[in-house]
Amino acid sequence: MTAAELQQATKALAAMFSCFPQSALTDVEMQMRGYLGAVRDADLCDLQAAIQRFARGEVRSANAQFCPSSAQLCIEVRERRTMRELMARRAASQVLDSSPPRSGGEVARRSRDGEGDALGEVKAG
């Protein structure tokens, strides 16, 4: 993450900590360092999506009463990355599937020129 992204990640983590009352009992600075160290290689958008899912109680494996551990957060961040990548691949394949043929293709040329018509050759022969 860039310095600006780290700053945004810090704000997102602070917001997550404020959603869970038990987090107020810990040393926030030490907790922040531990979480930032765990997610430093993640994309900010995946981290934000994971935090949002925990805050909303959408992560089934999590206890909604407690702040997720850094390991739980990393697992959810990886799942968000996987989902984002799958959605991007799906969108790209839909764009490719919906595009018209570029030049009519080899089959159209053969048909137009009367080449490769096995059925026509059999009937003529």
N, C-alpha and C. Protein backbone atom coordinates (compact mmCIF):
# COMPACT_ATOMS: atom_id res chain seq x y z
N MET A 1 0.84 -1.19 0.00
CA MET A 1 0.00 0.00 0.00
C MET A 1 0.88 1.25 0.00
N THR A 2 0.37 2.26 -0.63
CA THR A 2 1.06 3.55 -0.61
C THR A 2 0.83 4.22 0.75
N ALA A 3 1.53 5.31 1.00
CA ALA A 3 1.37 6.04 2.26
C ALA A 3 -0.07 6.55 2.41
N ALA A 4 -0.64 7.04 1.33
CA ALA A 4 -2.03 7.53 1.37
C ALA A 4 -3.00 6.38 1.65
N GLU A 5 -2.73 5.23 1.03
CA GLU A 5 -3.59 4.07 1.26
C GLU A 5 -3.46 3.55 2.69
N LEU A 6 -2.24 3.59 3.24
CA LEU A 6 -2.05 3.19 4.64
C LEU A 6 -2.83 4.09 5.58
N GLN A 7 -2.86 5.37 5.26
CA GLN A 7 -3.62 6.31 6.08
C GLN A 7 -5.12 5.98 6.01
N GLN A 8 -5.61 5.67 4.81
CA GLN A 8 -7.01 5.29 4.66
C GLN A 8 -7.29 3.96 5.36
N ALA A 9 -6.36 3.02 5.27
CA ALA A 9 -6.52 1.74 5.95
C ALA A 9 -6.58 1.93 7.46
N THR A 10 -5.76 2.83 7.98
CA THR A 10 -5.77 3.13 9.41
C THR A 10 -7.12 3.66 9.84
N LYS A 11 -7.69 4.54 9.04
CA LYS A 11 -9.02 5.09 9.35
C LYS A 11 -10.08 4.00 9.29
N ALA A 12 -9.98 3.13 8.30
CA ALA A 12 -10.96 2.04 8.18
C ALA A 12 -10.86 1.09 9.36
N LEU A 13 -9.63 0.77 9.76
CA LEU A 13 -9.45 -0.11 10.92
C LEU A 13 -9.95 0.55 12.20
N ALA A 14 -9.69 1.83 12.37
CA ALA A 14 -10.18 2.55 13.55
C ALA A 14 -11.70 2.52 13.59
N ALA A 15 -12.32 2.67 12.44
CA ALA A 15 -13.78 2.61 12.38
C ALA A 15 -14.27 1.21 12.77
N MET A 16 -13.56 0.18 12.33
CA MET A 16 -13.94 -1.19 12.69
C MET A 16 -13.80 -1.39 14.19
N PHE A 17 -12.69 -0.92 14.77
CA PHE A 17 -12.48 -1.08 16.20
C PHE A 17 -13.60 -0.40 17.00
N SER A 18 -14.07 0.74 16.51
CA SER A 18 -15.13 1.46 17.24
C SER A 18 -16.48 0.74 17.16
N CYS A 19 -16.63 -0.17 16.21
CA CYS A 19 -17.88 -0.93 16.08
C CYS A 19 -18.00 -2.04 17.11
N PHE A 20 -16.89 -2.43 17.70
CA PHE A 20 -16.88 -3.55 18.63
C PHE A 20 -16.45 -3.04 20.01
N PRO A 21 -17.33 -3.11 21.00
CA PRO A 21 -17.04 -2.52 22.32
C PRO A 21 -15.79 -3.10 23.00
N GLN A 22 -15.46 -4.36 22.80
CA GLN A 22 -14.30 -4.95 23.45
C GLN A 22 -13.00 -4.31 22.98
N SER A 23 -13.01 -3.73 21.80
CA SER A 23 -11.80 -3.11 21.26
C SER A 23 -11.36 -1.91 22.09
N ALA A 24 -12.29 -1.29 22.79
CA ALA A 24 -11.96 -0.11 23.60
C ALA A 24 -11.08 -0.47 24.79
N LEU A 25 -11.05 -1.73 25.15
CA LEU A 25 -10.27 -2.15 26.32
C LEU A 25 -8.81 -2.43 26.00
N THR A 26 -8.44 -2.38 24.73
CA THR A 26 -7.07 -2.73 24.33
C THR A 26 -6.27 -1.49 23.98
N ASP A 27 -4.98 -1.68 23.82
CA ASP A 27 -4.09 -0.62 23.38
C ASP A 27 -4.28 -0.45 21.88
N VAL A 28 -4.98 0.59 21.49
CA VAL A 28 -5.37 0.79 20.09
C VAL A 28 -4.15 0.93 19.19
N GLU A 29 -3.13 1.62 19.64
CA GLU A 29 -1.95 1.82 18.79
C GLU A 29 -1.25 0.48 18.49
N MET A 30 -1.08 -0.35 19.50
CA MET A 30 -0.46 -1.66 19.30
C MET A 30 -1.36 -2.53 18.42
N GLN A 31 -2.64 -2.48 18.68
CA GLN A 31 -3.59 -3.26 17.88
C GLN A 31 -3.53 -2.81 16.42
N MET A 32 -3.48 -1.52 16.20
CA MET A 32 -3.43 -0.96 14.84
C MET A 32 -2.17 -1.44 14.12
N ARG A 33 -1.03 -1.40 14.80
CA ARG A 33 0.21 -1.85 14.19
C ARG A 33 0.14 -3.32 13.79
N GLY A 34 -0.44 -4.12 14.65
CA GLY A 34 -0.57 -5.55 14.36
C GLY A 34 -1.44 -5.81 13.14
N TYR A 35 -2.56 -5.12 13.06
CA TYR A 35 -3.48 -5.30 11.93
C TYR A 35 -2.86 -4.76 10.64
N LEU A 36 -2.24 -3.59 10.70
CA LEU A 36 -1.62 -3.02 9.51
C LEU A 36 -0.49 -3.90 9.00
N GLY A 37 0.26 -4.49 9.91
CA GLY A 37 1.32 -5.41 9.51
C GLY A 37 0.75 -6.63 8.80
N ALA A 38 -0.40 -7.09 9.26
CA ALA A 38 -1.01 -8.28 8.67
C ALA A 38 -1.59 -8.02 7.28
N VAL A 39 -2.08 -6.81 7.05
CA VAL A 39 -2.78 -6.53 5.78
C VAL A 39 -1.98 -5.62 4.85
N ARG A 40 -0.71 -5.40 5.13
CA ARG A 40 0.09 -4.43 4.36
C ARG A 40 0.18 -4.76 2.87
N ASP A 41 0.06 -6.03 2.50
CA ASP A 41 0.15 -6.40 1.09
C ASP A 41 -1.20 -6.43 0.39
N ALA A 42 -2.25 -6.16 1.11
CA ALA A 42 -3.60 -6.22 0.54
C ALA A 42 -3.92 -4.95 -0.24
N ASP A 43 -4.85 -5.07 -1.16
CA ASP A 43 -5.37 -3.88 -1.84
C ASP A 43 -6.35 -3.18 -0.90
N LEU A 44 -6.32 -1.87 -0.90
CA LEU A 44 -7.16 -1.09 0.01
C LEU A 44 -8.64 -1.42 -0.19
N CYS A 45 -9.06 -1.57 -1.44
CA CYS A 45 -10.48 -1.84 -1.70
C CYS A 45 -10.93 -3.17 -1.07
N ASP A 46 -10.05 -4.16 -1.07
CA ASP A 46 -10.38 -5.45 -0.47
C ASP A 46 -10.44 -5.34 1.05
N LEU A 47 -9.51 -4.58 1.62
CA LEU A 47 -9.52 -4.36 3.07
C LEU A 47 -10.78 -3.63 3.49
N GLN A 48 -11.14 -2.58 2.77
CA GLN A 48 -12.34 -1.83 3.11
C GLN A 48 -13.59 -2.70 2.99
N ALA A 49 -13.65 -3.52 1.96
CA ALA A 49 -14.81 -4.40 1.78
C ALA A 49 -14.89 -5.43 2.91
N ALA A 50 -13.75 -5.97 3.32
CA ALA A 50 -13.73 -6.94 4.41
C ALA A 50 -14.18 -6.30 5.72
N ILE A 51 -13.67 -5.11 6.01
CA ILE A 51 -14.05 -4.40 7.23
C ILE A 51 -15.54 -4.11 7.23
N GLN A 52 -16.05 -3.69 6.10
CA GLN A 52 -17.48 -3.40 5.98
C GLN A 52 -18.31 -4.64 6.25
N ARG A 53 -17.89 -5.79 5.73
CA ARG A 53 -18.61 -7.04 5.96
C ARG A 53 -18.59 -7.43 7.43
N PHE A 54 -17.46 -7.25 8.11
CA PHE A 54 -17.41 -7.55 9.55
C PHE A 54 -18.32 -6.61 10.33
N ALA A 55 -18.27 -5.32 10.02
CA ALA A 55 -19.08 -4.34 10.74
C ALA A 55 -20.57 -4.59 10.55
N ARG A 56 -20.95 -5.09 9.39
CA ARG A 56 -22.36 -5.39 9.11
C ARG A 56 -22.81 -6.76 9.62
N GLY A 57 -21.85 -7.55 10.10
CA GLY A 57 -22.18 -8.89 10.57
C GLY A 57 -22.42 -9.88 9.45
N GLU A 58 -21.83 -9.64 8.29
CA GLU A 58 -22.05 -10.50 7.12
C GLU A 58 -21.08 -11.66 7.01
N VAL A 59 -20.06 -11.70 7.86
CA VAL A 59 -19.09 -12.78 7.82
C VAL A 59 -19.59 -13.88 8.76
N ARG A 60 -20.00 -14.99 8.18
CA ARG A 60 -20.64 -16.06 8.96
C ARG A 60 -19.72 -16.67 10.01
N SER A 61 -18.44 -16.77 9.71
CA SER A 61 -17.51 -17.42 10.63
C SER A 61 -17.13 -16.54 11.81
N ALA A 62 -17.55 -15.30 11.82
CA ALA A 62 -17.14 -14.36 12.86
C ALA A 62 -18.19 -14.26 13.96
N ASN A 63 -17.72 -13.99 15.16
CA ASN A 63 -18.61 -13.70 16.28
C ASN A 63 -18.92 -12.21 16.20
N ALA A 64 -20.17 -11.88 16.02
CA ALA A 64 -20.57 -10.48 15.81
C ALA A 64 -20.36 -9.61 17.04
N GLN A 65 -20.07 -10.21 18.18
CA GLN A 65 -19.87 -9.43 19.40
C GLN A 65 -18.43 -8.98 19.57
N PHE A 66 -17.50 -9.58 18.82
CA PHE A 66 -16.09 -9.30 19.02
C PHE A 66 -15.42 -8.86 17.72
N CYS A 67 -14.44 -8.01 17.87
CA CYS A 67 -13.64 -7.57 16.73
C CYS A 67 -12.90 -8.78 16.16
N PRO A 68 -12.84 -8.90 14.85
CA PRO A 68 -12.13 -10.06 14.28
C PRO A 68 -10.63 -9.98 14.58
N SER A 69 -10.01 -11.13 14.66
CA SER A 69 -8.56 -11.16 14.82
C SER A 69 -7.93 -10.72 13.50
N SER A 70 -6.65 -10.43 13.54
CA SER A 70 -5.97 -10.04 12.30
C SER A 70 -6.00 -11.19 11.30
N ALA A 71 -5.92 -12.43 11.80
CA ALA A 71 -5.99 -13.60 10.90
C ALA A 71 -7.37 -13.70 10.25
N GLN A 72 -8.42 -13.48 11.02
CA GLN A 72 -9.77 -13.52 10.44
C GLN A 72 -9.94 -12.42 9.40
N LEU A 73 -9.41 -11.25 9.70
CA LEU A 73 -9.49 -10.14 8.75
C LEU A 73 -8.74 -10.47 7.47
N CYS A 74 -7.56 -11.06 7.60
CA CYS A 74 -6.77 -11.44 6.41
C CYS A 74 -7.50 -12.47 5.56
N ILE A 75 -8.14 -13.42 6.20
CA ILE A 75 -8.91 -14.43 5.45
C ILE A 75 -10.02 -13.76 4.66
N GLU A 76 -10.74 -12.85 5.30
CA GLU A 76 -11.84 -12.16 4.61
C GLU A 76 -11.31 -11.24 3.52
N VAL A 77 -10.17 -10.61 3.73
CA VAL A 77 -9.55 -9.76 2.70
C VAL A 77 -9.22 -10.61 1.48
N ARG A 78 -8.67 -11.80 1.69
CA ARG A 78 -8.35 -12.69 0.56
C ARG A 78 -9.63 -13.12 -0.16
N GLU A 79 -10.68 -13.38 0.58
CA GLU A 79 -11.96 -13.74 -0.06
C GLU A 79 -12.51 -12.59 -0.88
N ARG A 80 -12.38 -11.37 -0.39
CA ARG A 80 -12.85 -10.19 -1.14
C ARG A 80 -12.02 -10.05 -2.41
N ARG A 81 -10.70 -10.28 -2.33
CA ARG A 81 -9.84 -10.20 -3.52
C ARG A 81 -10.26 -11.25 -4.54
N THR A 82 -10.49 -12.47 -4.08
CA THR A 82 -10.91 -13.54 -4.97
C THR A 82 -12.23 -13.19 -5.65
N MET A 83 -13.18 -12.67 -4.90
CA MET A 83 -14.47 -12.30 -5.47
C MET A 83 -14.31 -11.16 -6.49
N ARG A 84 -13.48 -10.19 -6.16
CA ARG A 84 -13.25 -9.06 -7.08
C ARG A 84 -12.63 -9.56 -8.38
N GLU A 85 -11.65 -10.45 -8.27
CA GLU A 85 -10.99 -10.99 -9.47
C GLU A 85 -11.95 -11.83 -10.30
N LEU A 86 -12.78 -12.63 -9.64
CA LEU A 86 -13.76 -13.43 -10.37
C LEU A 86 -14.77 -12.55 -11.10
N MET A 87 -15.22 -11.50 -10.43
CA MET A 87 -16.17 -10.58 -11.05
C MET A 87 -15.54 -9.87 -12.25
N ALA A 88 -14.27 -9.51 -12.14
CA ALA A 88 -13.58 -8.85 -13.25
C ALA A 88 -13.44 -9.80 -14.44
N ARG A 89 -13.08 -11.06 -14.15
CA ARG A 89 -12.97 -12.05 -15.24
C ARG A 89 -14.32 -12.29 -15.90
N ARG A 90 -15.34 -12.36 -15.09
CA ARG A 90 -16.69 -12.59 -15.62
C ARG A 90 -17.13 -11.43 -16.51
N ALA A 91 -16.87 -10.22 -16.04
CA ALA A 91 -17.23 -9.04 -16.83
C ALA A 91 -16.44 -9.02 -18.14
N ALA A 92 -15.16 -9.37 -18.08
CA ALA A 92 -14.33 -9.38 -19.29
C ALA A 92 -14.83 -10.43 -20.27
N SER A 93 -15.21 -11.60 -19.77
CA SER A 93 -15.68 -12.64 -20.69
C SER A 93 -17.03 -12.28 -21.29
N GLN A 94 -17.87 -11.56 -20.55
CA GLN A 94 -19.15 -11.13 -21.11
C GLN A 94 -18.94 -10.09 -22.21
N VAL A 95 -17.95 -9.24 -22.05
CA VAL A 95 -17.64 -8.25 -23.08
C VAL A 95 -17.15 -8.96 -24.33
N LEU A 96 -16.28 -9.95 -24.16
CA LEU A 96 -15.75 -10.69 -25.31
C LEU A 96 -16.85 -11.49 -25.99
N ASP A 97 -17.76 -12.09 -25.21
CA ASP A 97 -18.84 -12.89 -25.78
C ASP A 97 -19.85 -12.04 -26.54
N SER A 98 -20.01 -10.79 -26.13
CA SER A 98 -21.01 -9.94 -26.77
C SER A 98 -20.48 -9.16 -27.97
N SER A 99 -19.18 -9.22 -28.22
CA SER A 99 -18.63 -8.47 -29.34
C SER A 99 -18.88 -9.23 -30.65
N PRO A 100 -19.21 -8.51 -31.72
CA PRO A 100 -19.48 -9.16 -33.01
C PRO A 100 -18.19 -9.68 -33.64
N PRO A 101 -18.31 -10.65 -34.53
CA PRO A 101 -17.11 -11.15 -35.22
C PRO A 101 -16.43 -10.02 -35.97
N ARG A 102 -15.10 -10.06 -36.03
CA ARG A 102 -14.35 -8.96 -36.63
C ARG A 102 -14.45 -8.95 -38.15
N SER A 103 -14.23 -10.07 -38.81
CA SER A 103 -14.16 -10.02 -40.27
C SER A 103 -15.02 -11.08 -40.93
N GLY A 104 -15.89 -11.71 -40.20
CA GLY A 104 -16.71 -12.75 -40.80
C GLY A 104 -16.08 -14.11 -40.67
N GLY A 105 -14.80 -14.18 -40.43
CA GLY A 105 -14.13 -15.43 -40.15
C GLY A 105 -13.86 -16.29 -41.36
N GLU A 106 -13.06 -17.30 -41.16
CA GLU A 106 -12.64 -18.22 -42.21
C GLU A 106 -13.83 -19.02 -42.76
N VAL A 107 -14.74 -19.42 -41.89
CA VAL A 107 -15.89 -20.23 -42.34
C VAL A 107 -16.75 -19.44 -43.31
N ALA A 108 -16.98 -18.17 -43.01
CA ALA A 108 -17.79 -17.35 -43.90
C ALA A 108 -17.11 -17.18 -45.26
N ARG A 109 -15.78 -17.00 -45.27
CA ARG A 109 -15.06 -16.85 -46.53
C ARG A 109 -15.16 -18.13 -47.35
N ARG A 110 -14.98 -19.26 -46.72
CA ARG A 110 -15.07 -20.53 -47.45
C ARG A 110 -16.46 -20.74 -48.01
N SER A 111 -17.45 -20.38 -47.22
CA SER A 111 -18.82 -20.55 -47.68
C SER A 111 -19.09 -19.65 -48.88
N ARG A 112 -18.62 -18.42 -48.79
CA ARG A 112 -18.81 -17.45 -49.87
C ARG A 112 -18.12 -17.90 -51.15
N ASP A 113 -16.90 -18.45 -51.01
CA ASP A 113 -16.11 -18.86 -52.18
C ASP A 113 -16.43 -20.27 -52.64
N GLY A 114 -17.32 -20.96 -51.92
CA GLY A 114 -17.69 -22.31 -52.31
C GLY A 114 -16.65 -23.36 -51.96
N GLU A 115 -15.71 -23.02 -51.08
CA GLU A 115 -14.69 -23.97 -50.68
C GLU A 115 -15.16 -24.76 -49.46
N GLY A 116 -14.64 -25.95 -49.32
CA GLY A 116 -14.86 -26.75 -48.13
C GLY A 116 -16.28 -27.18 -47.95
N ASP A 117 -17.05 -27.20 -48.99
CA ASP A 117 -18.45 -27.62 -48.89
C ASP A 117 -18.50 -29.11 -49.18
N ALA A 118 -18.26 -29.91 -48.19
CA ALA A 118 -18.21 -31.37 -48.35
C ALA A 118 -19.55 -31.91 -48.83
N LEU A 119 -20.63 -31.38 -48.30
CA LEU A 119 -21.96 -31.86 -48.69
C LEU A 119 -22.22 -31.55 -50.15
N GLY A 120 -21.83 -30.36 -50.61
CA GLY A 120 -22.00 -30.00 -52.02
C GLY A 120 -21.16 -30.89 -52.92
N GLU A 121 -19.94 -31.23 -52.49
CA GLU A 121 -19.07 -32.07 -53.28
C GLU A 121 -19.61 -33.49 -53.39
N VAL A 122 -20.19 -34.01 -52.32
CA VAL A 122 -20.76 -35.36 -52.32
C VAL A 122 -21.97 -35.40 -53.25
N LYS A 123 -22.83 -34.40 -53.19
CA LYS A 123 -24.01 -34.36 -54.04
C LYS A 123 -23.62 -34.25 -55.53
N ALA A 124 -22.57 -33.46 -55.81
CA ALA A 124 -22.14 -33.26 -57.19
C ALA A 124 -21.46 -34.52 -57.74
N GLY A 125 -20.86 -35.30 -56.87
CA GLY A 125 -20.07 -36.44 -57.30
C GLY A 125 -20.88 -37.67 -57.42
